[in-house]
């Protein structure tokens, strides 16, 4: 592995045997650090925002599950009704 500084860049060269998923996680972390370098947010504010987003997300997911369950139950009921309506009785 080599690390070089050229002008306003840092160049890192890695051997091909390095785990590419680990390198991607490192790159994602560095991109995150670059994105928030000028942020004035406090950690407690970020934590609260994360909690609020998670609550909203879970509410939407749970509502979605209820809708899917209703649609599935309704389709099953309609399918059962369709099967029954095809039955003919002799009088």
PDB file of N, CA and C in Angstrom:
ATOM      1  N   UNK A   1       0.857  -1.167   0.000  1.00  0.00           N
ATOM      2  CA  UNK A   1       0.000   0.000   0.000  1.00  0.00           C
ATOM      3  C   UNK A   1       0.901   1.227   0.000  1.00  0.00           C
ATOM      4  N   UNK A   2       0.521   2.193  -0.819  1.00  0.00           N
ATOM      5  CA  UNK A   2       1.257   3.448  -0.829  1.00  0.00           C
ATOM      6  C   UNK A   2       0.275   4.607  -0.662  1.00  0.00           C
ATOM      7  N   UNK A   3       0.751   5.641   0.030  1.00  0.00           N
ATOM      8  CA  UNK A   3      -0.040   6.851   0.224  1.00  0.00           C
ATOM      9  C   UNK A   3       0.818   8.021  -0.230  1.00  0.00           C
ATOM     10  N   UNK A   4       0.278   8.831  -1.135  1.00  0.00           N
ATOM     11  CA  UNK A   4       1.006   9.980  -1.673  1.00  0.00           C
ATOM     12  C   UNK A   4       0.140  11.228  -1.576  1.00  0.00           C
ATOM     13  N   UNK A   5       0.780  12.352  -1.353  1.00  0.00           N
ATOM     14  CA  UNK A   5       0.075  13.631  -1.392  1.00  0.00           C
ATOM     15  C   UNK A   5       0.574  14.372  -2.625  1.00  0.00           C
ATOM     16  N   UNK A   6      -0.346  14.714  -3.514  1.00  0.00           N
ATOM     17  CA  UNK A   6      -0.007  15.467  -4.720  1.00  0.00           C
ATOM     18  C   UNK A   6      -0.937  16.667  -4.810  1.00  0.00           C
ATOM     19  N   UNK A   7      -0.356  17.847  -4.709  1.00  0.00           N
ATOM     20  CA  UNK A   7      -1.112  19.094  -4.756  1.00  0.00           C
ATOM     21  C   UNK A   7      -2.225  19.063  -3.712  1.00  0.00           C
ATOM     22  N   UNK A   8      -3.467  19.073  -4.142  1.00  0.00           N
ATOM     23  CA  UNK A   8      -4.591  19.081  -3.195  1.00  0.00           C
ATOM     24  C   UNK A   8      -5.286  17.725  -3.099  1.00  0.00           C
ATOM     25  N   UNK A   9      -4.564  16.646  -3.386  1.00  0.00           N
ATOM     26  CA  UNK A   9      -5.152  15.298  -3.344  1.00  0.00           C
ATOM     27  C   UNK A   9      -4.249  14.345  -2.560  1.00  0.00           C
ATOM     28  N   UNK A  10      -4.873  13.331  -1.994  1.00  0.00           N
ATOM     29  CA  UNK A  10      -4.157  12.208  -1.383  1.00  0.00           C
ATOM     30  C   UNK A  10      -4.470  10.992  -2.231  1.00  0.00           C
ATOM     31  N   UNK A  11      -3.438  10.309  -2.679  1.00  0.00           N
ATOM     32  CA  UNK A  11      -3.612   9.141  -3.545  1.00  0.00           C
ATOM     33  C   UNK A  11      -3.199   7.903  -2.748  1.00  0.00           C
ATOM     34  N   UNK A  12      -4.129   6.961  -2.637  1.00  0.00           N
ATOM     35  CA  UNK A  12      -3.877   5.703  -1.929  1.00  0.00           C
ATOM     36  C   UNK A  12      -3.928   4.584  -2.954  1.00  0.00           C
ATOM     37  N   UNK A  13      -2.884   3.789  -3.014  1.00  0.00           N
ATOM     38  CA  UNK A  13      -2.826   2.646  -3.923  1.00  0.00           C
ATOM     39  C   UNK A  13      -2.831   1.381  -3.082  1.00  0.00           C
ATOM     40  N   UNK A  14      -3.762   0.490  -3.395  1.00  0.00           N
ATOM     41  CA  UNK A  14      -3.909  -0.758  -2.639  1.00  0.00           C
ATOM     42  C   UNK A  14      -3.686  -1.952  -3.551  1.00  0.00           C
ATOM     43  N   UNK A  15      -3.168  -3.048  -2.996  1.00  0.00           N
ATOM     44  CA  UNK A  15      -3.029  -4.256  -3.809  1.00  0.00           C
ATOM     45  C   UNK A  15      -4.411  -4.852  -4.119  1.00  0.00           C
ATOM     46  N   UNK A  16      -4.515  -5.568  -5.197  1.00  0.00           N
ATOM     47  CA  UNK A  16      -5.795  -6.153  -5.617  1.00  0.00           C
ATOM     48  C   UNK A  16      -6.326  -7.182  -4.622  1.00  0.00           C
ATOM     49  N   UNK A  17      -5.485  -7.675  -3.745  1.00  0.00           N
ATOM     50  CA  UNK A  17      -5.916  -8.689  -2.782  1.00  0.00           C
ATOM     51  C   UNK A  17      -6.717  -8.112  -1.617  1.00  0.00           C
ATOM     52  N   UNK A  18      -6.819  -6.794  -1.526  1.00  0.00           N
ATOM     53  CA  UNK A  18      -7.555  -6.156  -0.436  1.00  0.00           C
ATOM     54  C   UNK A  18      -9.058  -6.380  -0.639  1.00  0.00           C
ATOM     55  N   UNK A  19      -9.752  -6.635   0.471  1.00  0.00           N
ATOM     56  CA  UNK A  19     -11.200  -6.857   0.449  1.00  0.00           C
ATOM     57  C   UNK A  19     -11.905  -5.616  -0.083  1.00  0.00           C
ATOM     58  N   UNK A  20     -12.557  -5.736  -1.222  1.00  0.00           N
ATOM     59  CA  UNK A  20     -13.188  -4.594  -1.881  1.00  0.00           C
ATOM     60  C   UNK A  20     -14.363  -4.046  -1.069  1.00  0.00           C
ATOM     61  N   UNK A  21     -15.091  -4.890  -0.351  1.00  0.00           N
ATOM     62  CA  UNK A  21     -16.206  -4.416   0.472  1.00  0.00           C
ATOM     63  C   UNK A  21     -15.706  -3.561   1.625  1.00  0.00           C
ATOM     64  N   UNK A  22     -14.587  -3.944   2.216  1.00  0.00           N
ATOM     65  CA  UNK A  22     -13.986  -3.143   3.280  1.00  0.00           C
ATOM     66  C   UNK A  22     -13.517  -1.802   2.752  1.00  0.00           C
ATOM     67  N   UNK A  23     -12.938  -1.800   1.558  1.00  0.00           N
ATOM     68  CA  UNK A  23     -12.499  -0.552   0.932  1.00  0.00           C
ATOM     69  C   UNK A  23     -13.713   0.337   0.653  1.00  0.00           C
ATOM     70  N   UNK A  24     -14.809  -0.243   0.192  1.00  0.00           N
ATOM     71  CA  UNK A  24     -16.018   0.547  -0.078  1.00  0.00           C
ATOM     72  C   UNK A  24     -16.559   1.169   1.203  1.00  0.00           C
ATOM     73  N   UNK A  25     -16.547   0.417   2.313  1.00  0.00           N
ATOM     74  CA  UNK A  25     -16.999   0.972   3.594  1.00  0.00           C
ATOM     75  C   UNK A  25     -16.108   2.139   4.016  1.00  0.00           C
ATOM     76  N   UNK A  26     -14.798   1.991   3.808  1.00  0.00           N
ATOM     77  CA  UNK A  26     -13.866   3.070   4.137  1.00  0.00           C
ATOM     78  C   UNK A  26     -14.141   4.303   3.267  1.00  0.00           C
ATOM     79  N   UNK A  27     -14.360   4.092   1.988  1.00  0.00           N
ATOM     80  CA  UNK A  27     -14.663   5.209   1.076  1.00  0.00           C
ATOM     81  C   UNK A  27     -15.972   5.888   1.488  1.00  0.00           C
ATOM     82  N   UNK A  28     -16.983   5.097   1.842  1.00  0.00           N
ATOM     83  CA  UNK A  28     -18.257   5.675   2.292  1.00  0.00           C
ATOM     84  C   UNK A  28     -18.053   6.532   3.536  1.00  0.00           C
ATOM     85  N   UNK A  29     -17.219   6.055   4.471  1.00  0.00           N
ATOM     86  CA  UNK A  29     -16.939   6.821   5.678  1.00  0.00           C
ATOM     87  C   UNK A  29     -16.226   8.123   5.332  1.00  0.00           C
ATOM     88  N   UNK A  30     -15.243   8.062   4.435  1.00  0.00           N
ATOM     89  CA  UNK A  30     -14.522   9.270   4.033  1.00  0.00           C
ATOM     90  C   UNK A  30     -15.441  10.257   3.318  1.00  0.00           C
ATOM     91  N   UNK A  31     -16.357   9.755   2.488  1.00  0.00           N
ATOM     92  CA  UNK A  31     -17.334  10.629   1.839  1.00  0.00           C
ATOM     93  C   UNK A  31     -18.244  11.297   2.866  1.00  0.00           C
ATOM     94  N   UNK A  32     -18.639  10.535   3.880  1.00  0.00           N
ATOM     95  CA  UNK A  32     -19.452  11.079   4.968  1.00  0.00           C
ATOM     96  C   UNK A  32     -18.684  12.185   5.696  1.00  0.00           C
ATOM     97  N   UNK A  33     -17.435  11.924   6.047  1.00  0.00           N
ATOM     98  CA  UNK A  33     -16.616  12.921   6.738  1.00  0.00           C
ATOM     99  C   UNK A  33     -16.493  14.192   5.907  1.00  0.00           C
ATOM    100  N   UNK A  34     -16.313  14.040   4.605  1.00  0.00           N
ATOM    101  CA  UNK A  34     -16.217  15.189   3.711  1.00  0.00           C
ATOM    102  C   UNK A  34     -17.529  15.970   3.676  1.00  0.00           C
ATOM    103  N   UNK A  35     -18.643  15.248   3.667  1.00  0.00           N
ATOM    104  CA  UNK A  35     -19.955  15.894   3.574  1.00  0.00           C
ATOM    105  C   UNK A  35     -20.301  16.685   4.833  1.00  0.00           C
ATOM    106  N   UNK A  36     -19.855  16.235   6.002  1.00  0.00           N
ATOM    107  CA  UNK A  36     -20.242  16.885   7.257  1.00  0.00           C
ATOM    108  C   UNK A  36     -19.135  17.748   7.856  1.00  0.00           C
ATOM    109  N   UNK A  37     -18.071  17.952   7.127  1.00  0.00           N
ATOM    110  CA  UNK A  37     -16.923  18.675   7.699  1.00  0.00           C
ATOM    111  C   UNK A  37     -17.274  20.086   8.155  1.00  0.00           C
ATOM    112  N   UNK A  38     -18.218  20.747   7.512  1.00  0.00           N
ATOM    113  CA  UNK A  38     -18.585  22.112   7.881  1.00  0.00           C
ATOM    114  C   UNK A  38     -19.884  22.179   8.686  1.00  0.00           C
ATOM    115  N   UNK A  39     -20.393  21.034   9.096  1.00  0.00           N
ATOM    116  CA  UNK A  39     -21.658  20.986   9.820  1.00  0.00           C
ATOM    117  C   UNK A  39     -21.513  21.599  11.209  1.00  0.00           C
ATOM    118  N   UNK A  40     -22.546  22.307  11.616  1.00  0.00           N
ATOM    119  CA  UNK A  40     -22.585  22.907  12.960  1.00  0.00           C
ATOM    120  C   UNK A  40     -23.505  22.093  13.883  1.00  0.00           C
ATOM    121  N   UNK A  41     -24.034  21.000  13.383  1.00  0.00           N
ATOM    122  CA  UNK A  41     -24.971  20.190  14.161  1.00  0.00           C
ATOM    123  C   UNK A  41     -24.265  19.550  15.350  1.00  0.00           C
ATOM    124  N   UNK A  42     -25.006  19.473  16.461  1.00  0.00           N
ATOM    125  CA  UNK A  42     -24.494  18.784  17.646  1.00  0.00           C
ATOM    126  C   UNK A  42     -24.892  17.314  17.551  1.00  0.00           C
ATOM    127  N   UNK A  43     -24.115  16.460  18.172  1.00  0.00           N
ATOM    128  CA  UNK A  43     -24.399  15.030  18.128  1.00  0.00           C
ATOM    129  C   UNK A  43     -25.777  14.727  18.691  1.00  0.00           C
ATOM    130  N   UNK A  44     -26.186  15.414  19.751  1.00  0.00           N
ATOM    131  CA  UNK A  44     -27.506  15.161  20.351  1.00  0.00           C
ATOM    132  C   UNK A  44     -28.629  15.524  19.378  1.00  0.00           C
ATOM    133  N   UNK A  45     -28.435  16.568  18.565  1.00  0.00           N
ATOM    134  CA  UNK A  45     -29.429  16.926  17.551  1.00  0.00           C
ATOM    135  C   UNK A  45     -29.517  15.858  16.458  1.00  0.00           C
ATOM    136  N   UNK A  46     -28.363  15.343  16.060  1.00  0.00           N
ATOM    137  CA  UNK A  46     -28.325  14.290  15.049  1.00  0.00           C
ATOM    138  C   UNK A  46     -28.996  13.029  15.584  1.00  0.00           C
ATOM    139  N   UNK A  47     -28.725  12.690  16.841  1.00  0.00           N
ATOM    140  CA  UNK A  47     -29.345  11.509  17.451  1.00  0.00           C
ATOM    141  C   UNK A  47     -30.862  11.647  17.517  1.00  0.00           C
ATOM    142  N   UNK A  48     -31.347  12.850  17.882  1.00  0.00           N
ATOM    143  CA  UNK A  48     -32.794  13.072  17.951  1.00  0.00           C
ATOM    144  C   UNK A  48     -33.430  12.971  16.571  1.00  0.00           C
ATOM    145  N   UNK A  49     -32.779  13.539  15.572  1.00  0.00           N
ATOM    146  CA  UNK A  49     -33.282  13.443  14.200  1.00  0.00           C
ATOM    147  C   UNK A  49     -33.357  11.983  13.764  1.00  0.00           C
ATOM    148  N   UNK A  50     -32.332  11.200  14.080  1.00  0.00           N
ATOM    149  CA  UNK A  50     -32.329   9.776  13.718  1.00  0.00           C
ATOM    150  C   UNK A  50     -33.484   9.044  14.392  1.00  0.00           C
ATOM    151  N   UNK A  51     -33.737   9.342  15.668  1.00  0.00           N
ATOM    152  CA  UNK A  51     -34.864   8.701  16.367  1.00  0.00           C
ATOM    153  C   UNK A  51     -36.191   9.077  15.714  1.00  0.00           C
ATOM    154  N   UNK A  52     -36.357  10.368  15.383  1.00  0.00           N
ATOM    155  CA  UNK A  52     -37.604  10.822  14.752  1.00  0.00           C
ATOM    156  C   UNK A  52     -37.823  10.150  13.398  1.00  0.00           C
ATOM    157  N   UNK A  53     -36.769  10.055  12.608  1.00  0.00           N
ATOM    158  CA  UNK A  53     -36.878   9.418  11.296  1.00  0.00           C
ATOM    159  C   UNK A  53     -37.233   7.950  11.453  1.00  0.00           C
ATOM    160  N   UNK A  54     -36.601   7.262  12.403  1.00  0.00           N
ATOM    161  CA  UNK A  54     -36.892   5.840  12.624  1.00  0.00           C
ATOM    162  C   UNK A  54     -38.345   5.629  13.051  1.00  0.00           C
ATOM    163  N   UNK A  55     -38.856   6.502  13.914  1.00  0.00           N
ATOM    164  CA  UNK A  55     -40.262   6.372  14.339  1.00  0.00           C
ATOM    165  C   UNK A  55     -41.199   6.517  13.146  1.00  0.00           C
ATOM    166  N   UNK A  56     -40.955   7.544  12.336  1.00  0.00           N
ATOM    167  CA  UNK A  56     -41.787   7.773  11.157  1.00  0.00           C
ATOM    168  C   UNK A  56     -41.697   6.600  10.204  1.00  0.00           C
ATOM    169  N   UNK A  57     -40.495   6.087   9.990  1.00  0.00           N
ATOM    170  CA  UNK A  57     -40.290   4.961   9.075  1.00  0.00           C
ATOM    171  C   UNK A  57     -41.055   3.747   9.561  1.00  0.00           C
ATOM    172  N   UNK A  58     -40.968   3.429  10.871  1.00  0.00           N
ATOM    173  CA  UNK A  58     -41.665   2.250  11.392  1.00  0.00           C
ATOM    174  C   UNK A  58     -43.179   2.421  11.303  1.00  0.00           C
ATOM    175  N   UNK A  59     -43.671   3.652  11.516  1.00  0.00           N
ATOM    176  CA  UNK A  59     -45.115   3.875  11.380  1.00  0.00           C
ATOM    177  C   UNK A  59     -45.555   3.601   9.945  1.00  0.00           C
ATOM    178  N   UNK A  60     -44.772   4.075   8.973  1.00  0.00           N
ATOM    179  CA  UNK A  60     -45.118   3.837   7.564  1.00  0.00           C
ATOM    180  C   UNK A  60     -45.039   2.357   7.224  1.00  0.00           C
ATOM    181  N   UNK A  61     -44.021   1.687   7.720  1.00  0.00           N
ATOM    182  CA  UNK A  61     -43.873   0.247   7.451  1.00  0.00           C
ATOM    183  C   UNK A  61     -45.051  -0.516   8.045  1.00  0.00           C
ATOM    184  N   UNK A  62     -45.408  -0.221   9.295  1.00  0.00           N
ATOM    185  CA  UNK A  62     -46.521  -0.928   9.932  1.00  0.00           C
ATOM    186  C   UNK A  62     -47.827  -0.661   9.196  1.00  0.00           C
ATOM    187  N   UNK A  63     -48.061   0.556   8.757  1.00  0.00           N
ATOM    188  CA  UNK A  63     -49.253   0.871   7.974  1.00  0.00           C
ATOM    189  C   UNK A  63     -49.234   0.094   6.665  1.00  0.00           C
ATOM    190  N   UNK A  64     -48.077   0.026   6.046  1.00  0.00           N
ATOM    191  CA  UNK A  64     -47.937  -0.726   4.799  1.00  0.00           C
ATOM    192  C   UNK A  64     -48.256  -2.189   4.994  1.00  0.00           C
ATOM    193  N   UNK A  65     -47.796  -2.777   6.121  1.00  0.00           N
ATOM    194  CA  UNK A  65     -48.103  -4.178   6.392  1.00  0.00           C
ATOM    195  C   UNK A  65     -49.597  -4.373   6.574  1.00  0.00           C
ATOM    196  N   UNK A  66     -50.250  -3.433   7.234  1.00  0.00           N
ATOM    197  CA  UNK A  66     -51.695  -3.542   7.435  1.00  0.00           C
ATOM    198  C   UNK A  66     -52.414  -3.493   6.096  1.00  0.00           C
ATOM    199  N   UNK A  67     -51.979  -2.598   5.211  1.00  0.00           N
ATOM    200  CA  UNK A  67     -52.613  -2.491   3.890  1.00  0.00           C
ATOM    201  C   UNK A  67     -52.382  -3.766   3.098  1.00  0.00           C
ATOM    202  N   UNK A  68     -51.161  -4.278   3.109  1.00  0.00           N
ATOM    203  CA  UNK A  68     -50.865  -5.518   2.388  1.00  0.00           C
ATOM    204  C   UNK A  68     -51.692  -6.656   2.943  1.00  0.00           C
ATOM    205  N   UNK A  69     -51.798  -6.757   4.270  1.00  0.00           N
ATOM    206  CA  UNK A  69     -52.592  -7.825   4.876  1.00  0.00           C
ATOM    207  C   UNK A  69     -54.055  -7.697   4.448  1.00  0.00           C
ATOM    208  N   UNK A  70     -54.597  -6.479   4.440  1.00  0.00           N
ATOM    209  CA  UNK A  70     -55.982  -6.272   4.016  1.00  0.00           C
ATOM    210  C   UNK A  70     -56.177  -6.714   2.570  1.00  0.00           C
ATOM    211  N   UNK A  71     -55.241  -6.324   1.699  1.00  0.00           N
ATOM    212  CA  UNK A  71     -55.347  -6.685   0.284  1.00  0.00           C
ATOM    213  C   UNK A  71     -55.274  -8.196   0.123  1.00  0.00           C
ATOM    214  N   UNK A  72     -54.348  -8.835   0.812  1.00  0.00           N
ATOM    215  CA  UNK A  72     -54.216 -10.290   0.714  1.00  0.00           C
ATOM    216  C   UNK A  72     -55.473 -10.960   1.243  1.00  0.00           C
ATOM    217  N   UNK A  73     -55.950 -10.527   2.420  1.00  0.00           N
ATOM    218  CA  UNK A  73     -57.173 -11.114   2.982  1.00  0.00           C
ATOM    219  C   UNK A  73     -58.361 -10.893   2.054  1.00  0.00           C
ATOM    220  N   UNK A  74     -58.468  -9.704   1.493  1.00  0.00           N
ATOM    221  CA  UNK A  74     -59.562  -9.404   0.579  1.00  0.00           C
ATOM    222  C   UNK A  74     -59.484 -10.273  -0.663  1.00  0.00           C
ATOM    223  N   UNK A  75     -58.282 -10.416  -1.213  1.00  0.00           N
ATOM    224  CA  UNK A  75     -58.128 -11.264  -2.398  1.00  0.00           C
ATOM    225  C   UNK A  75     -58.477 -12.713  -2.091  1.00  0.00           C
ATOM    226  N   UNK A  76     -58.100 -13.187  -0.935  1.00  0.00           N
ATOM    227  CA  UNK A  76     -58.431 -14.564  -0.557  1.00  0.00           C
ATOM    228  C   UNK A  76     -59.949 -14.701  -0.435  1.00  0.00           C
ATOM    229  N   UNK A  77     -60.587 -13.699   0.190  1.00  0.00           N
ATOM    230  CA  UNK A  77     -62.045 -13.752   0.345  1.00  0.00           C
ATOM    231  C   UNK A  77     -62.727 -13.733  -1.018  1.00  0.00           C
ATOM    232  N   UNK A  78     -62.272 -12.867  -1.914  1.00  0.00           N
ATOM    233  CA  UNK A  78     -62.856 -12.821  -3.252  1.00  0.00           C
ATOM    234  C   UNK A  78     -62.610 -14.117  -4.006  1.00  0.00           C
ATOM    235  N   UNK A  79     -61.428 -14.690  -3.859  1.00  0.00           N
ATOM    236  CA  UNK A  79     -61.128 -15.959  -4.531  1.00  0.00           C
ATOM    237  C   UNK A  79     -62.043 -17.055  -4.014  1.00  0.00           C
ATOM    238  N   UNK A  80     -62.238 -17.089  -2.704  1.00  0.00           N
ATOM    239  CA  UNK A  80     -63.118 -18.102  -2.128  1.00  0.00           C
ATOM    240  C   UNK A  80     -64.542 -17.896  -2.621  1.00  0.00           C
ATOM    241  N   UNK A  81     -64.966 -16.641  -2.694  1.00  0.00           N
ATOM    242  CA  UNK A  81     -66.307 -16.348  -3.188  1.00  0.00           C
ATOM    243  C   UNK A  81     -66.445 -16.771  -4.642  1.00  0.00           C
ATOM    244  N   UNK A  82     -65.434 -16.528  -5.439  1.00  0.00           N
ATOM    245  CA  UNK A  82     -65.479 -16.897  -6.860  1.00  0.00           C
ATOM    246  C   UNK A  82     -65.596 -18.410  -7.018  1.00  0.00           C
ATOM    247  N   UNK A  83     -64.858 -19.128  -6.211  1.00  0.00           N
ATOM    248  CA  UNK A  83     -64.917 -20.587  -6.305  1.00  0.00           C
ATOM    249  C   UNK A  83     -66.307 -21.059  -5.936  1.00  0.00           C
ATOM    250  N   UNK A  84     -66.866 -20.521  -4.882  1.00  0.00           N
ATOM    251  CA  UNK A  84     -68.203 -20.918  -4.451  1.00  0.00           C
ATOM    252  C   UNK A  84     -69.271 -20.542  -5.480  1.00  0.00           C
ATOM    253  N   UNK A  85     -69.106 -19.434  -6.148  1.00  0.00           N
ATOM    254  CA  UNK A  85     -70.120 -19.010  -7.103  1.00  0.00           C
ATOM    255  C   UNK A  85     -70.124 -19.896  -8.345  1.00  0.00           C
ATOM    256  N   UNK A  86     -69.053 -20.646  -8.564  1.00  0.00           N
ATOM    257  CA  UNK A  86     -69.009 -21.537  -9.718  1.00  0.00           C
ATOM    258  C   UNK A  86     -69.715 -22.867  -9.437  1.00  0.00           C
ATOM    259  N   UNK A  87     -69.990 -23.128  -8.192  1.00  0.00           N
ATOM    260  CA  UNK A  87     -70.649 -24.395  -7.840  1.00  0.00           C
ATOM    261  C   UNK A  87     -72.131 -24.320  -8.219  1.00  0.00           C
ATOM    262  N   UNK A  88     -72.636 -25.333  -8.918  1.00  0.00           N
ATOM    263  CA  UNK A  88     -74.044 -25.360  -9.331  1.00  0.00           C
ATOM    264  C   UNK A  88     -74.780 -26.450  -8.538  1.00  0.00           C
ATOM    265  N   UNK A  89     -75.938 -26.114  -8.136  1.00  0.00           N
ATOM    266  CA  UNK A  89     -76.741 -27.069  -7.368  1.00  0.00           C
ATOM    267  C   UNK A  89     -77.908 -27.556  -8.222  1.00  0.00           C
ATOM    268  N   UNK A  90     -78.231 -28.838  -8.094  1.00  0.00           N
ATOM    269  CA  UNK A  90     -79.419 -29.357  -8.784  1.00  0.00           C
ATOM    270  C   UNK A  90     -80.589 -29.329  -7.820  1.00  0.00           C
ATOM    271  N   UNK A  91     -81.699 -28.948  -8.336  1.00  0.00           N
ATOM    272  CA  UNK A  91     -82.902 -28.899  -7.502  1.00  0.00           C
ATOM    273  C   UNK A  91     -83.850 -29.966  -7.918  1.00  0.00           C
TER     274      UNK A  91
END
